[in-house]
Amino acid sequence: MARAGFKALASTSAGAAWALGLADGGMDLEAVLDHLRFLCSVTDLPVNADFEEGFAESAEGVGINVARCIEPVSQACRSRTARARASIPWI
């Protein structure tokens, strides 16, 4: 996608669910996290996560789940940053 000129990617909860034969909103937290890990593992582009309503009823629960969501994305960002620094000596 980067070679095609895209600057970032966005996940889609509906598209991911439909690809698995589920209704929109039919993926649970673990399935969404797996989907985001997959997206981050196959691209160097930033990924905007469609994370529904945080998969929790309370603000505390949403915070915990958002932290779990950020982890795969931040791992990909760290990987991209390391590659950028290796290829551009002044960074």
PDB file of N, CA and C in Angstrom:
ATOM      1  N   MET A   1       0.827  -1.189   0.000  1.00  0.00           N
ATOM      2  CA  MET A   1       0.000   0.000   0.000  1.00  0.00           C
ATOM      3  C   MET A   1       0.872   1.254   0.000  1.00  0.00           C
ATOM      4  N   ALA A   2       1.996   1.192   0.689  1.00  0.00           N
ATOM      5  CA  ALA A   2       2.901   2.343   0.706  1.00  0.00           C
ATOM      6  C   ALA A   2       3.399   2.651  -0.701  1.00  0.00           C
ATOM      7  N   ARG A   3       3.716   1.599  -1.462  1.00  0.00           N
ATOM      8  CA  ARG A   3       4.189   1.813  -2.838  1.00  0.00           C
ATOM      9  C   ARG A   3       3.111   2.440  -3.706  1.00  0.00           C
ATOM     10  N   ALA A   4       1.849   2.243  -3.340  1.00  0.00           N
ATOM     11  CA  ALA A   4       0.741   2.842  -4.083  1.00  0.00           C
ATOM     12  C   ALA A   4       0.490   4.284  -3.657  1.00  0.00           C
ATOM     13  N   GLY A   5       1.253   4.762  -2.662  1.00  0.00           N
ATOM     14  CA  GLY A   5       1.126   6.156  -2.245  1.00  0.00           C
ATOM     15  C   GLY A   5       0.324   6.389  -0.980  1.00  0.00           C
ATOM     16  N   PHE A   6      -0.189   5.329  -0.383  1.00  0.00           N
ATOM     17  CA  PHE A   6      -0.939   5.513   0.855  1.00  0.00           C
ATOM     18  C   PHE A   6       0.002   5.970   1.961  1.00  0.00           C
ATOM     19  N   LYS A   7      -0.464   6.890   2.799  1.00  0.00           N
ATOM     20  CA  LYS A   7       0.328   7.408   3.915  1.00  0.00           C
ATOM     21  C   LYS A   7      -0.040   6.725   5.229  1.00  0.00           C
ATOM     22  N   ALA A   8      -1.179   6.080   5.279  1.00  0.00           N
ATOM     23  CA  ALA A   8      -1.656   5.384   6.475  1.00  0.00           C
ATOM     24  C   ALA A   8      -2.748   4.412   6.054  1.00  0.00           C
ATOM     25  N   LEU A   9      -3.083   3.501   6.962  1.00  0.00           N
ATOM     26  CA  LEU A   9      -4.172   2.554   6.739  1.00  0.00           C
ATOM     27  C   LEU A   9      -5.178   2.706   7.869  1.00  0.00           C
ATOM     28  N   ALA A  10      -6.398   2.336   7.600  1.00  0.00           N
ATOM     29  CA  ALA A  10      -7.436   2.338   8.630  1.00  0.00           C
ATOM     30  C   ALA A  10      -8.078   0.958   8.659  1.00  0.00           C
ATOM     31  N   SER A  11      -8.260   0.449   9.860  1.00  0.00           N
ATOM     32  CA  SER A  11      -8.974  -0.822   9.979  1.00  0.00           C
ATOM     33  C   SER A  11     -10.465  -0.537   9.871  1.00  0.00           C
ATOM     34  N   THR A  12     -11.217  -1.576   9.588  1.00  0.00           N
ATOM     35  CA  THR A  12     -12.666  -1.438   9.524  1.00  0.00           C
ATOM     36  C   THR A  12     -13.291  -2.605  10.276  1.00  0.00           C
ATOM     37  N   SER A  13     -14.051  -2.283  11.297  1.00  0.00           N
ATOM     38  CA  SER A  13     -14.665  -3.361  12.072  1.00  0.00           C
ATOM     39  C   SER A  13     -15.655  -4.148  11.220  1.00  0.00           C
ATOM     40  N   ALA A  14     -16.421  -3.452  10.396  1.00  0.00           N
ATOM     41  CA  ALA A  14     -17.401  -4.142   9.552  1.00  0.00           C
ATOM     42  C   ALA A  14     -16.707  -5.048   8.545  1.00  0.00           C
ATOM     43  N   GLY A  15     -15.705  -4.527   7.852  1.00  0.00           N
ATOM     44  CA  GLY A  15     -15.001  -5.316   6.855  1.00  0.00           C
ATOM     45  C   GLY A  15     -14.306  -6.525   7.457  1.00  0.00           C
ATOM     46  N   ALA A  16     -13.685  -6.332   8.612  1.00  0.00           N
ATOM     47  CA  ALA A  16     -13.010  -7.453   9.275  1.00  0.00           C
ATOM     48  C   ALA A  16     -14.018  -8.510   9.693  1.00  0.00           C
ATOM     49  N   ALA A  17     -15.135  -8.073  10.245  1.00  0.00           N
ATOM     50  CA  ALA A  17     -16.175  -9.021  10.672  1.00  0.00           C
ATOM     51  C   ALA A  17     -16.747  -9.766   9.467  1.00  0.00           C
ATOM     52  N   TRP A  18     -17.077  -9.046   8.413  1.00  0.00           N
ATOM     53  CA  TRP A  18     -17.649  -9.680   7.229  1.00  0.00           C
ATOM     54  C   TRP A  18     -16.677 -10.685   6.621  1.00  0.00           C
ATOM     55  N   ALA A  19     -15.379 -10.369   6.637  1.00  0.00           N
ATOM     56  CA  ALA A  19     -14.384 -11.299   6.098  1.00  0.00           C
ATOM     57  C   ALA A  19     -14.354 -12.606   6.882  1.00  0.00           C
ATOM     58  N   LEU A  20     -14.771 -12.553   8.136  1.00  0.00           N
ATOM     59  CA  LEU A  20     -14.831 -13.753   8.978  1.00  0.00           C
ATOM     60  C   LEU A  20     -16.217 -14.395   8.977  1.00  0.00           C
ATOM     61  N   GLY A  21     -17.130 -13.865   8.172  1.00  0.00           N
ATOM     62  CA  GLY A  21     -18.482 -14.403   8.109  1.00  0.00           C
ATOM     63  C   GLY A  21     -19.350 -13.967   9.269  1.00  0.00           C
ATOM     64  N   LEU A  22     -18.969 -12.866   9.936  1.00  0.00           N
ATOM     65  CA  LEU A  22     -19.725 -12.357  11.084  1.00  0.00           C
ATOM     66  C   LEU A  22     -20.454 -11.081  10.698  1.00  0.00           C
ATOM     67  N   ALA A  23     -21.439 -10.734  11.483  1.00  0.00           N
ATOM     68  CA  ALA A  23     -22.141  -9.466  11.294  1.00  0.00           C
ATOM     69  C   ALA A  23     -21.261  -8.321  11.784  1.00  0.00           C
ATOM     70  N   ASP A  24     -21.533  -7.120  11.283  1.00  0.00           N
ATOM     71  CA  ASP A  24     -20.839  -5.939  11.793  1.00  0.00           C
ATOM     72  C   ASP A  24     -21.035  -5.882  13.302  1.00  0.00           C
ATOM     73  N   GLY A  25     -19.958  -5.700  14.025  1.00  0.00           N
ATOM     74  CA  GLY A  25     -20.021  -5.705  15.484  1.00  0.00           C
ATOM     75  C   GLY A  25     -19.909  -7.090  16.086  1.00  0.00           C
ATOM     76  N   GLY A  26     -19.715  -8.113  15.246  1.00  0.00           N
ATOM     77  CA  GLY A  26     -19.693  -9.490  15.723  1.00  0.00           C
ATOM     78  C   GLY A  26     -18.349  -9.988  16.223  1.00  0.00           C
ATOM     79  N   MET A  27     -17.318  -9.174  16.136  1.00  0.00           N
ATOM     80  CA  MET A  27     -15.996  -9.584  16.620  1.00  0.00           C
ATOM     81  C   MET A  27     -15.853  -9.196  18.090  1.00  0.00           C
ATOM     82  N   ASP A  28     -15.287 -10.104  18.862  1.00  0.00           N
ATOM     83  CA  ASP A  28     -15.015  -9.767  20.260  1.00  0.00           C
ATOM     84  C   ASP A  28     -13.651  -9.089  20.363  1.00  0.00           C
ATOM     85  N   LEU A  29     -13.296  -8.681  21.566  1.00  0.00           N
ATOM     86  CA  LEU A  29     -12.055  -7.959  21.793  1.00  0.00           C
ATOM     87  C   LEU A  29     -10.842  -8.725  21.272  1.00  0.00           C
ATOM     88  N   GLU A  30     -10.747 -10.009  21.587  1.00  0.00           N
ATOM     89  CA  GLU A  30      -9.582 -10.791  21.163  1.00  0.00           C
ATOM     90  C   GLU A  30      -9.478 -10.866  19.642  1.00  0.00           C
ATOM     91  N   ALA A  31     -10.600 -11.017  18.969  1.00  0.00           N
ATOM     92  CA  ALA A  31     -10.586 -11.080  17.503  1.00  0.00           C
ATOM     93  C   ALA A  31     -10.133  -9.751  16.910  1.00  0.00           C
ATOM     94  N   VAL A  32     -10.581  -8.651  17.483  1.00  0.00           N
ATOM     95  CA  VAL A  32     -10.168  -7.333  16.989  1.00  0.00           C
ATOM     96  C   VAL A  32      -8.680  -7.121  17.235  1.00  0.00           C
ATOM     97  N   LEU A  33      -8.197  -7.496  18.415  1.00  0.00           N
ATOM     98  CA  LEU A  33      -6.763  -7.361  18.702  1.00  0.00           C
ATOM     99  C   LEU A  33      -5.939  -8.212  17.737  1.00  0.00           C
ATOM    100  N   ASP A  34      -6.393  -9.419  17.442  1.00  0.00           N
ATOM    101  CA  ASP A  34      -5.699 -10.268  16.463  1.00  0.00           C
ATOM    102  C   ASP A  34      -5.668  -9.597  15.089  1.00  0.00           C
ATOM    103  N   HIS A  35      -6.791  -9.020  14.698  1.00  0.00           N
ATOM    104  CA  HIS A  35      -6.894  -8.317  13.415  1.00  0.00           C
ATOM    105  C   HIS A  35      -5.902  -7.156  13.362  1.00  0.00           C
ATOM    106  N   LEU A  36      -5.833  -6.376  14.436  1.00  0.00           N
ATOM    107  CA  LEU A  36      -4.920  -5.229  14.456  1.00  0.00           C
ATOM    108  C   LEU A  36      -3.462  -5.679  14.476  1.00  0.00           C
ATOM    109  N   ARG A  37      -3.171  -6.741  15.214  1.00  0.00           N
ATOM    110  CA  ARG A  37      -1.800  -7.278  15.200  1.00  0.00           C
ATOM    111  C   ARG A  37      -1.409  -7.699  13.783  1.00  0.00           C
ATOM    112  N   PHE A  38      -2.346  -8.357  13.102  1.00  0.00           N
ATOM    113  CA  PHE A  38      -2.071  -8.771  11.730  1.00  0.00           C
ATOM    114  C   PHE A  38      -1.796  -7.558  10.845  1.00  0.00           C
ATOM    115  N   LEU A  39      -2.667  -6.553  10.892  1.00  0.00           N
ATOM    116  CA  LEU A  39      -2.469  -5.369  10.056  1.00  0.00           C
ATOM    117  C   LEU A  39      -1.112  -4.726  10.327  1.00  0.00           C
ATOM    118  N   CYS A  40      -0.775  -4.584  11.592  1.00  0.00           N
ATOM    119  CA  CYS A  40       0.503  -3.950  11.949  1.00  0.00           C
ATOM    120  C   CYS A  40       1.700  -4.789  11.540  1.00  0.00           C
ATOM    121  N   SER A  41       1.518  -6.089  11.457  1.00  0.00           N
ATOM    122  CA  SER A  41       2.641  -6.963  11.120  1.00  0.00           C
ATOM    123  C   SER A  41       2.962  -6.969   9.631  1.00  0.00           C
ATOM    124  N   VAL A  42       2.025  -6.526   8.795  1.00  0.00           N
ATOM    125  CA  VAL A  42       2.243  -6.614   7.353  1.00  0.00           C
ATOM    126  C   VAL A  42       2.462  -5.264   6.680  1.00  0.00           C
ATOM    127  N   THR A  43       2.573  -4.203   7.471  1.00  0.00           N
ATOM    128  CA  THR A  43       2.790  -2.891   6.876  1.00  0.00           C
ATOM    129  C   THR A  43       3.716  -2.059   7.738  1.00  0.00           C
ATOM    130  N   ASP A  44       4.387  -1.127   7.092  1.00  0.00           N
ATOM    131  CA  ASP A  44       5.173  -0.133   7.810  1.00  0.00           C
ATOM    132  C   ASP A  44       4.400   1.167   7.954  1.00  0.00           C
ATOM    133  N   LEU A  45       3.197   1.216   7.389  1.00  0.00           N
ATOM    134  CA  LEU A  45       2.373   2.421   7.485  1.00  0.00           C
ATOM    135  C   LEU A  45       1.694   2.508   8.852  1.00  0.00           C
ATOM    136  N   PRO A  46       1.396   3.719   9.302  1.00  0.00           N
ATOM    137  CA  PRO A  46       0.595   3.859  10.518  1.00  0.00           C
ATOM    138  C   PRO A  46      -0.787   3.239  10.311  1.00  0.00           C
ATOM    139  N   VAL A  47      -1.341   2.656  11.351  1.00  0.00           N
ATOM    140  CA  VAL A  47      -2.652   2.011  11.287  1.00  0.00           C
ATOM    141  C   VAL A  47      -3.598   2.705  12.256  1.00  0.00           C
ATOM    142  N   ASN A  48      -4.723   3.186  11.725  1.00  0.00           N
ATOM    143  CA  ASN A  48      -5.780   3.779  12.537  1.00  0.00           C
ATOM    144  C   ASN A  48      -6.753   2.658  12.886  1.00  0.00           C
ATOM    145  N   ALA A  49      -6.908   2.391  14.172  1.00  0.00           N
ATOM    146  CA  ALA A  49      -7.710   1.246  14.619  1.00  0.00           C
ATOM    147  C   ALA A  49      -9.168   1.626  14.828  1.00  0.00           C
ATOM    148  N   ASP A  50     -10.074   0.885  14.177  1.00  0.00           N
ATOM    149  CA  ASP A  50     -11.509   0.980  14.461  1.00  0.00           C
ATOM    150  C   ASP A  50     -11.743   0.075  15.665  1.00  0.00           C
ATOM    151  N   PHE A  51     -11.918   0.670  16.823  1.00  0.00           N
ATOM    152  CA  PHE A  51     -11.961  -0.088  18.075  1.00  0.00           C
ATOM    153  C   PHE A  51     -13.337  -0.018  18.729  1.00  0.00           C
ATOM    154  N   GLU A  52     -14.368   0.078  17.885  1.00  0.00           N
ATOM    155  CA  GLU A  52     -15.747   0.090  18.370  1.00  0.00           C
ATOM    156  C   GLU A  52     -15.903   1.082  19.522  1.00  0.00           C
ATOM    157  N   GLU A  53     -16.465   0.642  20.625  1.00  0.00           N
ATOM    158  CA  GLU A  53     -16.662   1.512  21.792  1.00  0.00           C
ATOM    159  C   GLU A  53     -15.767   1.089  22.944  1.00  0.00           C
ATOM    160  N   GLY A  54     -14.651   0.467  22.620  1.00  0.00           N
ATOM    161  CA  GLY A  54     -13.684   0.094  23.632  1.00  0.00           C
ATOM    162  C   GLY A  54     -13.926  -1.244  24.294  1.00  0.00           C
ATOM    163  N   PHE A  55     -14.986  -1.936  23.899  1.00  0.00           N
ATOM    164  CA  PHE A  55     -15.283  -3.280  24.403  1.00  0.00           C
ATOM    165  C   PHE A  55     -15.415  -3.340  25.922  1.00  0.00           C
ATOM    166  N   ALA A  56     -15.997  -2.314  26.514  1.00  0.00           N
ATOM    167  CA  ALA A  56     -16.209  -2.313  27.962  1.00  0.00           C
ATOM    168  C   ALA A  56     -17.347  -1.361  28.306  1.00  0.00           C
ATOM    169  N   GLU A  57     -17.916  -1.574  29.476  1.00  0.00           N
ATOM    170  CA  GLU A  57     -19.010  -0.734  29.959  1.00  0.00           C
ATOM    171  C   GLU A  57     -18.504   0.470  30.756  1.00  0.00           C
ATOM    172  N   SER A  58     -17.369   0.307  31.442  1.00  0.00           N
ATOM    173  CA  SER A  58     -16.865   1.374  32.309  1.00  0.00           C
ATOM    174  C   SER A  58     -15.682   2.083  31.661  1.00  0.00           C
ATOM    175  N   ALA A  59     -15.432   3.298  32.121  1.00  0.00           N
ATOM    176  CA  ALA A  59     -14.271   4.038  31.631  1.00  0.00           C
ATOM    177  C   ALA A  59     -12.980   3.291  31.947  1.00  0.00           C
ATOM    178  N   GLU A  60     -12.904   2.688  33.118  1.00  0.00           N
ATOM    179  CA  GLU A  60     -11.715   1.917  33.493  1.00  0.00           C
ATOM    180  C   GLU A  60     -11.502   0.745  32.534  1.00  0.00           C
ATOM    181  N   GLY A  61     -12.587   0.045  32.215  1.00  0.00           N
ATOM    182  CA  GLY A  61     -12.498  -1.084  31.290  1.00  0.00           C
ATOM    183  C   GLY A  61     -12.076  -0.645  29.902  1.00  0.00           C
ATOM    184  N   VAL A  62     -12.619   0.480  29.445  1.00  0.00           N
ATOM    185  CA  VAL A  62     -12.218   1.001  28.137  1.00  0.00           C
ATOM    186  C   VAL A  62     -10.731   1.335  28.151  1.00  0.00           C
ATOM    187  N   GLY A  63     -10.262   1.961  29.237  1.00  0.00           N
ATOM    188  CA  GLY A  63      -8.843   2.299  29.344  1.00  0.00           C
ATOM    189  C   GLY A  63      -7.950   1.075  29.273  1.00  0.00           C
ATOM    190  N   ILE A  64      -8.343   0.031  29.960  1.00  0.00           N
ATOM    191  CA  ILE A  64      -7.568  -1.218  29.927  1.00  0.00           C
ATOM    192  C   ILE A  64      -7.532  -1.787  28.513  1.00  0.00           C
ATOM    193  N   ASN A  65      -8.676  -1.801  27.853  1.00  0.00           N
ATOM    194  CA  ASN A  65      -8.745  -2.364  26.504  1.00  0.00           C
ATOM    195  C   ASN A  65      -8.011  -1.496  25.485  1.00  0.00           C
ATOM    196  N   VAL A  66      -8.087  -0.184  25.644  1.00  0.00           N
ATOM    197  CA  VAL A  66      -7.354   0.701  24.735  1.00  0.00           C
ATOM    198  C   VAL A  66      -5.852   0.465  24.888  1.00  0.00           C
ATOM    199  N   ALA A  67      -5.392   0.281  26.121  1.00  0.00           N
ATOM    200  CA  ALA A  67      -3.973  -0.024  26.334  1.00  0.00           C
ATOM    201  C   ALA A  67      -3.595  -1.315  25.617  1.00  0.00           C
ATOM    202  N   ARG A  68      -4.468  -2.301  25.648  1.00  0.00           N
ATOM    203  CA  ARG A  68      -4.205  -3.559  24.940  1.00  0.00           C
ATOM    204  C   ARG A  68      -4.222  -3.348  23.426  1.00  0.00           C
ATOM    205  N   CYS A  69      -5.037  -2.421  22.967  1.00  0.00           N
ATOM    206  CA  CYS A  69      -5.125  -2.119  21.538  1.00  0.00           C
ATOM    207  C   CYS A  69      -3.878  -1.376  21.070  1.00  0.00           C
ATOM    208  N   ILE A  70      -3.372  -0.486  21.886  1.00  0.00           N
ATOM    209  CA  ILE A  70      -2.213   0.324  21.500  1.00  0.00           C
ATOM    210  C   ILE A  70      -0.962  -0.534  21.385  1.00  0.00           C
ATOM    211  N   GLU A  71      -0.844  -1.559  22.192  1.00  0.00           N
ATOM    212  CA  GLU A  71       0.370  -2.376  22.216  1.00  0.00           C
ATOM    213  C   GLU A  71       0.786  -2.879  20.839  1.00  0.00           C
ATOM    214  N   PRO A  72      -0.102  -3.520  20.043  1.00  0.00           N
ATOM    215  CA  PRO A  72       0.384  -3.999  18.740  1.00  0.00           C
ATOM    216  C   PRO A  72       0.759  -2.856  17.814  1.00  0.00           C
ATOM    217  N   VAL A  73       0.042  -1.753  17.916  1.00  0.00           N
ATOM    218  CA  VAL A  73       0.336  -0.603  17.064  1.00  0.00           C
ATOM    219  C   VAL A  73       1.665   0.016  17.480  1.00  0.00           C
ATOM    220  N   SER A  74       1.905   0.139  18.778  1.00  0.00           N
ATOM    221  CA  SER A  74       3.153   0.757  19.227  1.00  0.00           C
ATOM    222  C   SER A  74       4.348  -0.134  18.904  1.00  0.00           C
ATOM    223  N   GLN A  75       4.157  -1.453  18.925  1.00  0.00           N
ATOM    224  CA  GLN A  75       5.241  -2.346  18.528  1.00  0.00           C
ATOM    225  C   GLN A  75       5.607  -2.095  17.070  1.00  0.00           C
ATOM    226  N   ALA A  76       4.613  -1.916  16.225  1.00  0.00           N
ATOM    227  CA  ALA A  76       4.878  -1.642  14.817  1.00  0.00           C
ATOM    228  C   ALA A  76       5.552  -0.289  14.661  1.00  0.00           C
ATOM    229  N   CYS A  77       5.146   0.703  15.439  1.00  0.00           N
ATOM    230  CA  CYS A  77       5.764   2.026  15.354  1.00  0.00           C
ATOM    231  C   CYS A  77       7.231   1.954  15.773  1.00  0.00           C
ATOM    232  N   ARG A  78       7.509   1.237  16.843  1.00  0.00           N
ATOM    233  CA  ARG A  78       8.901   1.099  17.273  1.00  0.00           C
ATOM    234  C   ARG A  78       9.728   0.460  16.165  1.00  0.00           C
ATOM    235  N   SER A  79       9.167  -0.528  15.502  1.00  0.00           N
ATOM    236  CA  SER A  79       9.870  -1.214  14.429  1.00  0.00           C
ATOM    237  C   SER A  79      10.151  -0.242  13.285  1.00  0.00           C
ATOM    238  N   ARG A  80       9.159   0.552  12.913  1.00  0.00           N
ATOM    239  CA  ARG A  80       9.346   1.525  11.836  1.00  0.00           C
ATOM    240  C   ARG A  80      10.386   2.559  12.227  1.00  0.00           C
ATOM    241  N   THR A  81      10.344   3.043  13.459  1.00  0.00           N
ATOM    242  CA  THR A  81      11.292   4.056  13.912  1.00  0.00           C
ATOM    243  C   THR A  81      12.713   3.518  13.853  1.00  0.00           C
ATOM    244  N   ALA A  82      12.912   2.301  14.279  1.00  0.00           N
ATOM    245  CA  ALA A  82      14.241   1.703  14.260  1.00  0.00           C
ATOM    246  C   ALA A  82      14.763   1.614  12.825  1.00  0.00           C
ATOM    247  N   ARG A  83      13.904   1.219  11.896  1.00  0.00           N
ATOM    248  CA  ARG A  83      14.332   1.126  10.495  1.00  0.00           C
ATOM    249  C   ARG A  83      14.642   2.507   9.943  1.00  0.00           C
ATOM    250  N   ALA A  84      13.834   3.491  10.292  1.00  0.00           N
ATOM    251  CA  ALA A  84      14.070   4.856   9.801  1.00  0.00           C
ATOM    252  C   ALA A  84      15.405   5.375  10.310  1.00  0.00           C
ATOM    253  N   ARG A  85      15.689   5.152  11.582  1.00  0.00           N
ATOM    254  CA  ARG A  85      16.951   5.632  12.136  1.00  0.00           C
ATOM    255  C   ARG A  85      18.141   4.925  11.496  1.00  0.00           C
ATOM    256  N   ALA A  86      17.968   3.662  11.161  1.00  0.00           N
ATOM    257  CA  ALA A  86      19.070   2.927  10.550  1.00  0.00           C
ATOM    258  C   ALA A  86      19.362   3.428   9.139  1.00  0.00           C
ATOM    259  N   SER A  87      18.334   3.911   8.448  1.00  0.00           N
ATOM    260  CA  SER A  87      18.531   4.323   7.069  1.00  0.00           C
ATOM    261  C   SER A  87      18.789   5.815   6.909  1.00  0.00           C
ATOM    262  N   ILE A  88      18.491   6.617   7.951  1.00  0.00           N
ATOM    263  CA  ILE A  88      18.716   8.064   7.877  1.00  0.00           C
ATOM    264  C   ILE A  88      19.615   8.457   9.050  1.00  0.00           C
ATOM    265  N   PRO A  89      20.894   8.656   8.800  1.00  0.00           N
ATOM    266  CA  PRO A  89      21.850   8.808   9.899  1.00  0.00           C
ATOM    267  C   PRO A  89      21.616  10.007  10.812  1.00  0.00           C
ATOM    268  N   TRP A  90      20.941  11.048  10.385  1.00  0.00           N
ATOM    269  CA  TRP A  90      20.788  12.225  11.254  1.00  0.00           C
ATOM    270  C   TRP A  90      19.595  12.153  12.173  1.00  0.00           C
ATOM    271  N   ILE A  91      18.816  11.081  12.126  1.00  0.00           N
ATOM    272  CA  ILE A  91      17.666  10.946  13.037  1.00  0.00           C
ATOM    273  C   ILE A  91      18.153  10.415  14.363  1.00  0.00           C
TER     274      ILE A  91
END
